[in-house]
């Protein structure tokens, strides 16, 4: 929360998360705090929802001698 307060309105912040925002309340455990964090993150934000295969799955399928370029 302190990080978001410091950066809110002053600097760009990129956040990458695998937990959907509607599940943040349970994960954070304090609805007021979750609302405050989401308000600072979502206001004037650009949200990108990515689709496709997990990179972890793709990397695990490679053998030790192969690399992603």
C-alpha atoms as a PDB file:
ATOM      1  CA  UNK A   1       0.000   0.000   0.000  1.00  0.00           C
ATOM      2  CA  UNK A   2       2.830   2.407   0.839  1.00  0.00           C
ATOM      3  CA  UNK A   3       4.457   1.804  -2.533  1.00  0.00           C
ATOM      4  CA  UNK A   4       1.189   2.522  -4.324  1.00  0.00           C
ATOM      5  CA  UNK A   5       0.639   5.678  -2.242  1.00  0.00           C
ATOM      6  CA  UNK A   6       4.125   6.956  -3.110  1.00  0.00           C
ATOM      7  CA  UNK A   7       3.788   6.263  -6.832  1.00  0.00           C
ATOM      8  CA  UNK A   8       0.088   7.157  -7.317  1.00  0.00           C
ATOM      9  CA  UNK A   9      -0.169  10.079  -9.726  1.00  0.00           C
ATOM     10  CA  UNK A  10       3.605  10.551  -9.909  1.00  0.00           C
ATOM     11  CA  UNK A  11       5.136   7.585 -11.702  1.00  0.00           C
ATOM     12  CA  UNK A  12       4.091   4.740 -13.929  1.00  0.00           C
ATOM     13  CA  UNK A  13       3.691   1.342 -12.336  1.00  0.00           C
ATOM     14  CA  UNK A  14       3.551  -1.971 -14.137  1.00  0.00           C
ATOM     15  CA  UNK A  15       2.050  -4.858 -12.256  1.00  0.00           C
ATOM     16  CA  UNK A  16       1.895  -8.413 -13.468  1.00  0.00           C
ATOM     17  CA  UNK A  17      -0.327 -10.792 -11.566  1.00  0.00           C
ATOM     18  CA  UNK A  18      -1.738 -14.265 -12.013  1.00  0.00           C
ATOM     19  CA  UNK A  19      -4.419 -13.745  -9.356  1.00  0.00           C
ATOM     20  CA  UNK A  20      -7.644 -12.254 -10.770  1.00  0.00           C
ATOM     21  CA  UNK A  21      -8.569  -8.958  -9.112  1.00  0.00           C
ATOM     22  CA  UNK A  22     -11.843 -10.344  -7.741  1.00  0.00           C
ATOM     23  CA  UNK A  23      -9.773 -12.797  -5.668  1.00  0.00           C
ATOM     24  CA  UNK A  24      -7.573 -10.082  -4.129  1.00  0.00           C
ATOM     25  CA  UNK A  25      -9.999  -9.536  -1.249  1.00  0.00           C
ATOM     26  CA  UNK A  26      -9.539 -13.053   0.079  1.00  0.00           C
ATOM     27  CA  UNK A  27      -5.784 -13.021  -0.592  1.00  0.00           C
ATOM     28  CA  UNK A  28      -5.188  -9.657   1.132  1.00  0.00           C
ATOM     29  CA  UNK A  29      -7.624 -10.423   3.951  1.00  0.00           C
ATOM     30  CA  UNK A  30      -8.743  -6.807   4.471  1.00  0.00           C
ATOM     31  CA  UNK A  31     -11.470  -5.550   2.133  1.00  0.00           C
ATOM     32  CA  UNK A  32     -10.746  -1.877   2.833  1.00  0.00           C
ATOM     33  CA  UNK A  33      -7.056  -2.309   2.048  1.00  0.00           C
ATOM     34  CA  UNK A  34      -7.839  -4.368  -1.081  1.00  0.00           C
ATOM     35  CA  UNK A  35     -10.222  -1.626  -2.278  1.00  0.00           C
ATOM     36  CA  UNK A  36      -7.615   1.084  -1.668  1.00  0.00           C
ATOM     37  CA  UNK A  37      -4.900  -0.819  -3.545  1.00  0.00           C
ATOM     38  CA  UNK A  38      -7.196  -1.624  -6.465  1.00  0.00           C
ATOM     39  CA  UNK A  39      -8.392   1.976  -6.632  1.00  0.00           C
ATOM     40  CA  UNK A  40      -4.828   3.240  -6.990  1.00  0.00           C
ATOM     41  CA  UNK A  41      -3.894   0.557  -9.502  1.00  0.00           C
ATOM     42  CA  UNK A  42      -7.015   0.598 -11.667  1.00  0.00           C
ATOM     43  CA  UNK A  43      -7.595   4.359 -11.903  1.00  0.00           C
ATOM     44  CA  UNK A  44      -6.253   5.538 -15.289  1.00  0.00           C
ATOM     45  CA  UNK A  45      -4.829   2.081 -15.961  1.00  0.00           C
ATOM     46  CA  UNK A  46      -4.479   0.012 -19.105  1.00  0.00           C
ATOM     47  CA  UNK A  47      -5.304  -3.622 -18.452  1.00  0.00           C
ATOM     48  CA  UNK A  48      -4.053  -6.355 -20.742  1.00  0.00           C
ATOM     49  CA  UNK A  49      -5.391  -9.844 -20.325  1.00  0.00           C
ATOM     50  CA  UNK A  50      -3.040 -12.293 -21.964  1.00  0.00           C
ATOM     51  CA  UNK A  51      -4.106 -15.611 -23.377  1.00  0.00           C
ATOM     52  CA  UNK A  52      -2.259 -18.604 -24.671  1.00  0.00           C
ATOM     53  CA  UNK A  53      -0.145 -21.401 -23.350  1.00  0.00           C
ATOM     54  CA  UNK A  54       1.837 -20.895 -20.165  1.00  0.00           C
ATOM     55  CA  UNK A  55       5.525 -20.243 -20.824  1.00  0.00           C
ATOM     56  CA  UNK A  56       6.321 -22.597 -17.954  1.00  0.00           C
ATOM     57  CA  UNK A  57       4.698 -25.445 -19.884  1.00  0.00           C
ATOM     58  CA  UNK A  58       6.580 -24.542 -23.041  1.00  0.00           C
ATOM     59  CA  UNK A  59       9.934 -24.317 -21.247  1.00  0.00           C
ATOM     60  CA  UNK A  60       9.408 -27.621 -19.408  1.00  0.00           C
ATOM     61  CA  UNK A  61       8.791 -29.349 -22.743  1.00  0.00           C
ATOM     62  CA  UNK A  62      12.240 -28.309 -24.007  1.00  0.00           C
ATOM     63  CA  UNK A  63      15.154 -30.635 -23.496  1.00  0.00           C
ATOM     64  CA  UNK A  64      18.263 -29.479 -21.627  1.00  0.00           C
ATOM     65  CA  UNK A  65      20.096 -28.778 -24.888  1.00  0.00           C
ATOM     66  CA  UNK A  66      17.401 -26.521 -26.377  1.00  0.00           C
ATOM     67  CA  UNK A  67      16.929 -22.850 -25.608  1.00  0.00           C
ATOM     68  CA  UNK A  68      14.335 -20.216 -26.399  1.00  0.00           C
ATOM     69  CA  UNK A  69      15.759 -17.415 -28.544  1.00  0.00           C
END
